[in-house]
Amino acid sequence: MSTHYDLIAIGAGSGGLSIVERASEYGAKTAVIESGELGGTCVNVGCVPKKIMWYGASLSHSLDDAQDYGFEVTRGKLDWQKLVAKRDNYIGNITDWYQDSFLSDRGIDLIRGFARFVDNTTIEVDGKIYTADKIVIATGGHPVIPSHVPGAEYGITSDEFFNDLDERQPQKVVVVGGGYIALELAMLMNALGSEVHLLHQGRTMLRKFDGMLRRALRKQLDDDKVFINDNAMIDRVERLNNDKLNIFYDDGSSIGNVDSLIWAVGRRPNTNNIGLENTDIEVNDDGTIPVDDEERTNVSHIFAIGDIIGKAQLTPVAIAAGRRMGDRLYGNKPSRKMVYDDIATVMFTHPPIATMGLSEEAAREQHGDAVKTYTTDFVPMYHSLTRHQVKTHMKLVVLGEEEKIIGCHMIGTGVDEMMQGFAVAIRMGATKQDFDDTIAIHPVSAEELVTMR
């Protein structure tokens, strides 16, 4: 005996929830299968808890800045348990809403358990069989720990950072990685008062980002006294009797009495152990699933969205892809497709980074001398009175005589909130002249984008 649906999504993260939401609004009978917490990585161990911790770290900087504005502020000790408890309560409210309102109000069935394909149309969950006209794989990804390093298992990933560090703040932290997760965690822990050591292990920090952003962030890391080791590789990790760690590098050096080793060296798609071998679905060597411009796999009624397709691994992208898919499949809107170009994104470092389109390096590689850049850097008004000097850097990358904007890159206070509006204009094909013709709002940092010379 099996239960049949119009559409089943495997995974109740951003992508899976979005497709069943939109499909159900058009009258489709839908279900979503999930073995863990609703909301996936973003809600539980990603964007949401990270942003709350980022706000806490920003307040730490603001307490210091307040003294420079004339306030008599006594800097107290951070109550780590209180911060974590309030963060977790906020997340709990979101996951409760998903189950109590989001799914039930839309008539979406929640199937609890781990899904495995039996064949191209059949899924088994804890001994029960489900079939569907259309199946969407939205299982997301997971952070990895390098298995070749002896003792690597004594470290944690971003998952454990948000799940397990409840009791006390680690005072001495080693973060391994050069991507946005490593840098976000390193800078927020630094701002909250931990001693932070950042290891890039020979890789370029933010290697796909514009060079201006890399240089500006590196200077801020140095100014904030994050200890950076660019080239040393971890040779082995040893756990002491007091649960602290000694970390040994391949150059003979080491660092001892480390409270927490955080691996942020990459993520892999959750496509193992879901029975893909029982289907005709093609899978790449890295575990990603190839799809066409409608997120359709080589099996015509099976789709894949989110991190597992190896494109833009961002929560809003998975949401947009899911909603557009619902419009196409059930809303008679065949042209509603996800376009993976010109996606704006923000990295919540201190200060934040906002970026969209081509870096200067990538633009010159593609278009050569037809590329021109406009740049500015300045101390924003807020920091004109503070000892903690945080500069803002901005760059526009333009193409051809028309000077169409093909890249926008910013780092500085408030750029995370600036980018959304500018992203609309750039996606609509804005030129440098369009920006020039826009009257500036004064005095704000964003006016610099429309007054560059």
Protein backbone atom coordinates (compact mmCIF):
# COMPACT_ATOMS: atom_id res chain seq x y z
CA MET A 1 0.00 0.00 0.00
CA SER A 2 1.47 3.35 -1.02
CA THR A 3 0.42 6.99 -0.68
CA HIS A 4 0.46 9.06 -3.86
CA TYR A 5 1.07 12.79 -4.26
CA ASP A 6 1.26 15.24 -7.11
CA LEU A 7 4.65 16.37 -5.79
CA ILE A 8 7.02 15.23 -3.05
CA ALA A 9 10.01 17.25 -1.91
CA ILE A 10 12.85 15.45 -0.15
CA GLY A 11 14.23 17.89 2.39
CA ALA A 12 12.43 20.61 4.37
CA GLY A 13 15.05 23.29 3.97
CA SER A 14 14.69 26.51 2.02
CA GLY A 15 14.29 24.86 -1.39
CA GLY A 16 12.03 22.00 -0.39
CA LEU A 17 9.67 24.15 1.65
CA SER A 18 9.45 26.74 -1.11
CA ILE A 19 8.45 24.31 -3.85
CA VAL A 20 5.75 22.58 -1.80
CA GLU A 21 4.46 25.97 -0.62
CA ARG A 22 4.04 27.33 -4.14
CA ALA A 23 2.74 24.06 -5.61
CA SER A 24 0.14 23.73 -2.86
CA GLU A 25 -1.09 27.29 -3.53
CA TYR A 26 -1.99 26.12 -7.03
CA GLY A 27 -3.93 23.17 -5.64
CA ALA A 28 -1.33 20.42 -5.90
CA LYS A 29 -1.34 17.62 -3.33
CA THR A 30 2.13 17.87 -1.80
CA ALA A 31 4.33 16.40 0.90
CA VAL A 32 7.77 17.15 2.24
CA ILE A 33 10.05 14.56 3.81
CA GLU A 34 12.45 15.55 6.57
CA SER A 35 14.43 13.61 9.18
CA GLY A 36 15.84 16.64 11.00
CA GLU A 37 14.73 20.11 12.00
CA LEU A 38 12.46 22.03 9.65
CA GLY A 39 14.13 24.94 7.91
CA GLY A 40 17.34 23.15 7.04
CA THR A 41 20.82 24.59 7.41
CA CYS A 42 19.85 28.25 7.09
CA VAL A 43 17.38 28.37 9.96
CA ASN A 44 19.09 25.97 12.33
CA VAL A 45 22.87 26.10 11.83
CA GLY A 46 23.44 28.80 9.22
CA CYS A 47 22.09 32.21 8.24
CA VAL A 48 19.73 32.81 11.15
CA PRO A 49 21.89 31.90 14.17
CA LYS A 50 24.91 33.44 12.45
CA LYS A 51 23.12 36.77 11.97
CA ILE A 52 22.05 36.86 15.62
CA MET A 53 25.64 36.21 16.71
CA TRP A 54 26.77 38.87 14.22
CA TYR A 55 24.46 41.39 15.84
CA GLY A 56 25.94 40.48 19.21
CA ALA A 57 29.46 40.97 17.89
CA SER A 58 28.44 44.30 16.34
CA LEU A 59 27.12 45.47 19.71
CA SER A 60 30.49 44.61 21.20
CA HIS A 61 32.10 47.06 18.79
CA SER A 62 29.36 49.62 19.49
CA LEU A 63 30.06 49.52 23.23
CA ASP A 64 33.62 50.60 22.51
CA ASP A 65 32.46 53.21 20.01
CA ALA A 66 30.00 54.67 22.53
CA GLN A 67 32.88 55.81 24.71
CA ASP A 68 34.28 57.78 21.78
CA TYR A 69 30.92 59.52 21.43
CA GLY A 70 31.13 60.69 25.04
CA PHE A 71 29.12 58.04 26.86
CA GLU A 72 30.39 56.65 30.15
CA VAL A 73 30.11 52.97 29.39
CA THR A 74 31.43 50.22 31.61
CA ARG A 75 32.18 47.16 29.52
CA GLY A 76 30.75 44.11 31.28
CA LYS A 77 31.35 40.43 30.65
CA LEU A 78 29.38 38.69 27.94
CA ASP A 79 26.81 36.22 29.26
CA TRP A 80 27.40 33.59 26.57
CA GLN A 81 24.68 31.25 27.85
CA LYS A 82 22.08 34.03 27.74
CA LEU A 83 23.01 34.99 24.18
CA VAL A 84 22.89 31.38 23.01
CA ALA A 85 19.62 30.65 24.83
CA LYS A 86 17.87 33.66 23.29
CA ARG A 87 19.27 32.75 19.87
CA ASP A 88 17.99 29.20 20.17
CA ASN A 89 14.59 30.39 21.39
CA TYR A 90 14.28 32.58 18.31
CA ILE A 91 15.10 29.64 16.06
CA GLY A 92 12.65 27.44 17.94
CA ASN A 93 9.86 29.91 17.22
CA ILE A 94 10.63 29.67 13.50
CA THR A 95 10.67 25.87 13.41
CA ASP A 96 7.46 25.72 15.47
CA TRP A 97 5.82 28.08 12.98
CA TYR A 98 6.84 25.88 10.09
CA GLN A 99 5.17 22.87 11.65
CA ASP A 100 2.16 24.51 13.34
CA SER A 101 1.21 27.07 10.69
CA PHE A 102 3.24 27.07 7.49
CA LEU A 103 2.63 23.45 6.51
CA SER A 104 -0.78 22.85 8.09
CA ASP A 105 -2.36 26.05 6.75
CA ARG A 106 -1.42 25.03 3.22
CA GLY A 107 -2.43 21.39 3.53
CA ILE A 108 1.13 20.15 3.05
CA ASP A 109 1.86 16.74 4.57
CA LEU A 110 5.03 16.43 6.65
CA ILE A 111 6.55 12.96 6.46
CA ARG A 112 9.05 12.41 9.25
CA GLY A 113 12.01 10.16 8.53
CA PHE A 114 14.90 9.52 6.15
CA ALA A 115 13.93 9.16 2.48
CA ARG A 116 15.41 6.60 0.10
CA PHE A 117 14.54 6.06 -3.54
CA VAL A 118 13.24 2.62 -4.37
CA ASP A 119 13.03 3.46 -8.06
CA ASN A 120 12.35 6.48 -10.27
CA THR A 121 8.85 7.04 -8.90
CA THR A 122 8.89 5.43 -5.46
CA ILE A 123 10.31 6.62 -2.12
CA GLU A 124 10.55 4.62 1.10
CA VAL A 125 10.50 6.26 4.53
CA ASP A 126 10.74 4.03 7.60
CA GLY A 127 9.11 1.14 5.79
CA LYS A 128 6.28 3.17 4.27
CA ILE A 129 6.01 3.69 0.53
CA TYR A 130 5.23 6.95 -1.23
CA THR A 131 4.89 7.75 -4.93
CA ALA A 132 4.57 11.03 -6.80
CA ASP A 133 4.09 12.40 -10.27
CA LYS A 134 6.99 14.77 -9.59
CA ILE A 135 9.80 14.50 -7.09
CA VAL A 136 12.11 17.32 -6.02
CA ILE A 137 15.42 16.52 -4.35
CA ALA A 138 16.33 19.36 -1.97
CA THR A 139 18.57 17.65 0.56
CA GLY A 140 21.14 20.44 0.94
CA GLY A 141 24.73 19.97 2.02
CA HIS A 142 26.92 19.42 5.05
CA PRO A 143 30.29 20.74 6.21
CA VAL A 144 33.25 18.39 6.01
CA ILE A 145 36.11 17.52 8.34
CA PRO A 146 39.34 16.41 6.57
CA SER A 147 39.69 12.70 7.24
CA HIS A 148 43.41 12.62 6.34
CA VAL A 149 44.47 14.71 9.36
CA PRO A 150 45.04 12.61 12.51
CA GLY A 151 42.87 13.96 15.29
CA ALA A 152 40.77 16.12 12.95
CA GLU A 153 37.66 14.67 14.57
CA TYR A 154 38.44 16.63 17.73
CA GLY A 155 37.48 19.75 15.82
CA ILE A 156 33.99 20.91 15.00
CA THR A 157 32.21 22.47 12.01
CA SER A 158 29.73 25.31 11.76
CA ASP A 159 26.98 22.79 12.58
CA GLU A 160 28.44 22.03 16.00
CA PHE A 161 29.35 25.67 16.55
CA PHE A 162 25.65 26.52 16.55
CA ASN A 163 24.41 23.26 18.08
CA ASP A 164 26.89 22.31 20.80
CA LEU A 165 28.66 25.42 22.14
CA ASP A 166 25.94 26.20 24.68
CA GLU A 167 27.70 26.22 28.02
CA ARG A 168 30.70 28.45 27.61
CA GLN A 169 32.41 30.71 25.12
CA PRO A 170 35.65 29.22 23.78
CA GLN A 171 38.38 31.67 24.72
CA LYS A 172 41.05 30.42 22.30
CA VAL A 173 39.81 29.46 18.86
CA VAL A 174 41.47 28.18 15.70
CA VAL A 175 39.40 28.58 12.53
CA VAL A 176 40.56 26.75 9.40
CA GLY A 177 39.44 28.03 6.01
CA GLY A 178 39.49 31.01 3.67
CA GLY A 179 35.84 31.24 2.65
CA TYR A 180 32.93 33.23 3.96
CA ILE A 181 31.99 30.78 6.74
CA ALA A 182 35.51 30.77 8.18
CA LEU A 183 35.82 34.54 8.04
CA GLU A 184 32.38 35.21 9.48
CA LEU A 185 32.98 32.91 12.45
CA ALA A 186 36.51 34.18 13.03
CA MET A 187 35.48 37.83 13.08
CA LEU A 188 32.40 37.39 15.25
CA MET A 189 34.35 35.37 17.83
CA ASN A 190 37.09 37.99 17.77
CA ALA A 191 34.57 40.76 18.38
CA LEU A 192 33.02 38.80 21.25
CA GLY A 193 36.40 38.65 22.95
CA SER A 194 37.93 35.30 21.99
CA GLU A 195 41.54 34.96 20.86
CA VAL A 196 41.20 33.86 17.25
CA HIS A 197 43.77 32.19 15.00
CA LEU A 198 42.82 31.93 11.32
CA LEU A 199 44.49 29.36 9.05
CA HIS A 200 44.17 29.58 5.27
CA GLN A 201 46.43 26.53 4.63
CA GLY A 202 47.95 27.97 1.46
CA ARG A 203 44.67 29.02 -0.16
CA THR A 204 43.80 32.55 -1.17
CA MET A 205 41.27 34.18 1.12
CA LEU A 206 37.97 34.76 -0.71
CA ARG A 207 39.68 33.80 -3.95
CA LYS A 208 36.62 34.39 -6.17
CA PHE A 209 35.86 37.81 -4.68
CA ASP A 210 37.10 41.10 -6.09
CA GLY A 211 40.68 41.87 -5.08
CA MET A 212 39.64 45.15 -3.46
CA LEU A 213 37.43 43.24 -1.04
CA ARG A 214 40.16 40.75 -0.18
CA ARG A 215 42.71 43.46 0.55
CA ALA A 216 40.33 45.57 2.62
CA LEU A 217 39.14 42.64 4.70
CA ARG A 218 42.69 41.43 5.27
CA LYS A 219 43.66 44.83 6.63
CA GLN A 220 40.66 44.83 8.95
CA LEU A 221 41.57 41.35 10.22
CA ASP A 222 45.07 42.62 10.99
CA ASP A 223 43.75 45.80 12.64
CA ASP A 224 41.40 43.74 14.82
CA LYS A 225 44.28 41.48 15.85
CA VAL A 226 43.06 38.23 14.38
CA PHE A 227 46.17 36.03 14.17
CA ILE A 228 46.53 34.82 10.58
CA ASN A 229 48.67 31.97 9.31
CA ASP A 230 48.44 31.87 5.53
CA ASN A 231 50.45 28.81 4.60
CA ALA A 232 50.92 26.31 7.44
CA MET A 233 49.03 23.03 7.08
CA ILE A 234 47.67 21.16 10.08
CA ASP A 235 49.68 17.97 10.51
CA ARG A 236 47.83 16.50 13.50
CA VAL A 237 45.59 17.39 16.43
CA GLU A 238 45.92 16.06 19.96
CA ARG A 239 43.35 16.26 22.74
CA LEU A 240 44.62 16.92 26.26
CA ASN A 241 43.19 15.56 29.50
CA ASN A 242 41.40 18.86 30.12
CA ASP A 243 39.72 18.58 26.68
CA LYS A 244 41.81 21.39 25.25
CA LEU A 245 43.65 20.79 21.98
CA ASN A 246 47.23 21.01 20.79
CA ILE A 247 47.49 21.62 17.05
CA PHE A 248 50.71 20.78 15.21
CA TYR A 249 51.63 22.26 11.83
CA ASP A 250 53.67 20.78 9.01
CA ASP A 251 56.39 23.42 9.45
CA GLY A 252 57.18 22.17 12.95
CA SER A 253 55.31 24.91 14.80
CA SER A 254 52.25 24.37 16.96
CA ILE A 255 49.58 26.10 19.00
CA GLY A 256 48.48 24.77 22.36
CA ASN A 257 45.59 24.94 24.83
CA VAL A 258 43.01 25.59 22.13
CA ASP A 259 39.41 25.53 23.32
CA SER A 260 37.84 25.03 19.92
CA LEU A 261 39.10 24.04 16.47
CA ILE A 262 36.57 24.98 13.80
CA TRP A 263 36.85 23.40 10.35
CA ALA A 264 35.38 25.57 7.59
CA VAL A 265 37.05 23.91 4.62
CA GLY A 266 34.08 23.18 2.40
CA ARG A 267 30.70 21.51 2.11
CA ARG A 268 29.44 18.45 0.27
CA PRO A 269 25.96 17.71 -1.08
CA ASN A 270 23.70 15.35 0.83
CA THR A 271 23.20 12.97 -2.06
CA ASN A 272 24.76 9.83 -0.58
CA ASN A 273 22.53 7.24 1.06
CA ILE A 274 19.26 8.45 -0.46
CA GLY A 275 19.07 5.57 -2.93
CA LEU A 276 20.07 7.40 -6.09
CA GLU A 277 21.76 4.19 -7.21
CA ASN A 278 18.25 2.71 -7.48
CA THR A 279 17.26 5.34 -10.03
CA ASP A 280 18.45 6.52 -13.42
CA ILE A 281 19.51 9.94 -12.03
CA GLU A 282 22.97 11.04 -13.10
CA VAL A 283 25.30 12.25 -10.33
CA ASN A 284 28.60 14.11 -10.73
CA ASP A 285 31.78 12.84 -9.11
CA ASP A 286 31.54 15.54 -6.42
CA GLY A 287 28.03 14.42 -5.47
CA THR A 288 26.18 17.26 -7.17
CA ILE A 289 23.27 16.49 -9.47
CA PRO A 290 23.37 18.02 -12.98
CA VAL A 291 20.16 19.78 -14.02
CA ASP A 292 18.89 21.79 -16.98
CA ASP A 293 17.62 25.39 -16.90
CA GLU A 294 14.42 24.18 -15.20
CA GLU A 295 16.31 22.27 -12.47
CA ARG A 296 15.21 19.03 -14.12
CA THR A 297 17.50 16.02 -13.85
CA ASN A 298 18.01 13.55 -16.69
CA VAL A 299 14.89 11.78 -15.37
CA SER A 300 12.13 14.03 -16.64
CA HIS A 301 9.85 14.02 -13.58
CA ILE A 302 12.64 14.39 -10.99
CA PHE A 303 14.07 17.80 -10.15
CA ALA A 304 16.87 19.04 -7.89
CA ILE A 305 17.30 22.48 -6.31
CA GLY A 306 19.52 24.23 -3.80
CA ASP A 307 23.06 23.40 -2.80
CA ILE A 308 23.02 19.94 -4.38
CA ILE A 309 23.11 21.29 -7.94
CA GLY A 310 26.43 23.05 -7.37
CA LYS A 311 25.40 26.52 -8.52
CA ALA A 312 24.84 29.51 -6.20
CA GLN A 313 24.73 27.95 -2.73
CA LEU A 314 22.58 30.63 -1.12
CA THR A 315 19.30 30.40 0.76
CA PRO A 316 17.45 33.05 -1.30
CA VAL A 317 18.50 31.23 -4.48
CA ALA A 318 16.97 27.96 -3.29
CA ILE A 319 13.79 29.80 -2.27
CA ALA A 320 13.52 31.60 -5.60
CA ALA A 321 14.20 28.40 -7.55
CA GLY A 322 11.50 26.54 -5.62
CA ARG A 323 8.88 29.22 -6.12
CA ARG A 324 9.64 29.59 -9.82
CA MET A 325 9.45 25.83 -10.21
CA GLY A 326 5.99 25.82 -8.63
CA ASP A 327 4.89 28.59 -10.99
CA ARG A 328 6.09 26.58 -14.01
CA LEU A 329 4.76 23.20 -13.00
CA TYR A 330 1.38 24.22 -11.62
CA GLY A 331 0.80 27.91 -12.37
CA ASN A 332 0.95 27.85 -16.18
CA LYS A 333 3.97 30.17 -16.21
CA PRO A 334 6.49 28.31 -18.40
CA SER A 335 8.96 31.20 -18.58
CA ARG A 336 9.44 31.44 -14.81
CA LYS A 337 13.00 30.14 -14.53
CA MET A 338 15.79 30.78 -12.07
CA VAL A 339 18.65 32.78 -13.59
CA TYR A 340 21.92 32.20 -11.78
CA ASP A 341 23.71 35.33 -13.05
CA ASP A 342 23.95 38.68 -11.26
CA ILE A 343 22.99 37.38 -7.83
CA ALA A 344 23.72 39.83 -5.04
CA THR A 345 25.02 38.43 -1.78
CA VAL A 346 26.32 39.64 1.56
CA MET A 347 29.03 38.21 3.78
CA PHE A 348 28.52 39.07 7.44
CA THR A 349 32.05 39.85 8.45
CA HIS A 350 32.92 42.96 10.49
CA PRO A 351 32.41 45.10 8.50
CA PRO A 352 30.09 43.29 6.09
CA ILE A 353 30.83 42.67 2.42
CA ALA A 354 28.22 43.11 -0.32
CA THR A 355 28.98 41.92 -3.83
CA MET A 356 27.20 41.36 -7.13
CA GLY A 357 28.23 40.46 -10.65
CA LEU A 358 31.74 40.09 -12.01
CA SER A 359 34.87 40.95 -10.06
CA GLU A 360 37.28 43.27 -11.84
CA GLU A 361 39.62 40.32 -12.41
CA ALA A 362 36.90 38.12 -13.92
CA ALA A 363 35.54 40.99 -16.02
CA ARG A 364 38.96 41.77 -17.53
CA GLU A 365 39.52 38.11 -18.26
CA GLN A 366 36.23 37.97 -20.18
CA HIS A 367 36.13 41.42 -21.78
CA GLY A 368 39.67 42.79 -21.73
CA ASP A 369 40.12 46.52 -22.34
CA ALA A 370 36.36 47.09 -22.63
CA VAL A 371 36.23 47.05 -18.83
CA LYS A 372 36.54 50.16 -16.70
CA THR A 373 36.27 50.56 -12.92
CA TYR A 374 35.21 53.35 -10.60
CA THR A 375 36.39 53.14 -7.00
CA THR A 376 36.23 55.07 -3.77
CA ASP A 377 37.28 54.52 -0.18
CA PHE A 378 36.57 56.66 2.85
CA VAL A 379 36.01 56.68 6.59
CA PRO A 380 32.22 56.85 7.03
CA MET A 381 30.83 59.57 9.24
CA TYR A 382 30.01 57.13 12.05
CA HIS A 383 33.66 56.16 12.38
CA SER A 384 34.97 59.71 12.10
CA LEU A 385 34.71 59.91 15.90
CA THR A 386 35.80 56.38 16.84
CA ARG A 387 39.17 54.89 17.57
CA HIS A 388 38.06 51.69 15.85
CA GLN A 389 38.56 53.03 12.33
CA VAL A 390 36.65 50.95 9.79
CA LYS A 391 36.96 52.21 6.23
CA THR A 392 34.40 51.69 3.50
CA HIS A 393 35.55 50.62 0.02
CA MET A 394 33.34 50.60 -3.10
CA LYS A 395 33.89 49.58 -6.70
CA LEU A 396 31.74 49.63 -9.83
CA VAL A 397 32.84 47.49 -12.78
CA VAL A 398 31.44 48.76 -16.09
CA LEU A 399 31.53 47.49 -19.67
CA GLY A 400 31.88 49.24 -23.02
CA GLU A 401 31.02 52.74 -24.17
CA GLU A 402 27.58 52.46 -22.60
CA GLU A 403 29.31 51.68 -19.27
CA LYS A 404 26.76 49.07 -18.29
CA ILE A 405 27.36 48.06 -14.69
CA ILE A 406 28.44 44.40 -14.57
CA GLY A 407 29.91 44.35 -11.07
CA CYS A 408 29.31 46.13 -7.76
CA HIS A 409 31.50 45.43 -4.74
CA MET A 410 31.43 47.02 -1.30
CA ILE A 411 32.86 46.49 2.15
CA GLY A 412 31.96 48.74 5.05
CA THR A 413 29.39 49.68 7.65
CA GLY A 414 25.85 49.37 6.27
CA VAL A 415 26.68 47.92 2.85
CA ASP A 416 24.64 44.82 3.70
CA GLU A 417 21.48 46.94 3.66
CA MET A 418 22.54 49.07 0.69
CA MET A 419 22.98 46.30 -1.84
CA GLN A 420 19.39 45.11 -2.18
CA GLY A 421 18.12 48.30 -3.84
CA PHE A 422 21.15 48.70 -6.07
CA ALA A 423 20.81 45.03 -7.08
CA VAL A 424 17.40 45.77 -8.60
CA ALA A 425 18.85 48.56 -10.73
CA ILE A 426 21.86 46.53 -11.86
CA ARG A 427 19.72 43.52 -12.74
CA MET A 428 17.55 45.82 -14.87
CA GLY A 429 20.62 46.87 -16.85
CA ALA A 430 21.63 50.12 -15.16
CA THR A 431 24.55 52.08 -16.55
CA LYS A 432 27.02 54.35 -14.84
CA GLN A 433 25.09 57.30 -16.29
CA ASP A 434 21.91 56.02 -14.63
CA PHE A 435 23.73 56.06 -11.31
CA ASP A 436 25.17 59.52 -12.03
CA ASP A 437 21.70 60.87 -12.82
CA THR A 438 20.30 59.63 -9.51
CA ILE A 439 20.20 62.39 -6.90
CA ALA A 440 22.30 61.46 -3.89
CA ILE A 441 20.87 61.12 -0.39
CA HIS A 442 23.09 63.09 1.97
CA PRO A 443 24.83 62.38 4.24
CA VAL A 444 24.91 58.59 3.88
CA SER A 445 27.60 56.22 2.66
CA ALA A 446 25.38 54.95 -0.15
CA GLU A 447 25.56 58.31 -1.92
CA GLU A 448 29.13 57.47 -2.89
CA LEU A 449 27.80 54.91 -5.38
CA VAL A 450 26.00 57.61 -7.35
CA THR A 451 28.73 60.26 -7.14
CA MET A 452 31.83 58.30 -8.20
CA ARG A 453 34.12 59.99 -10.73
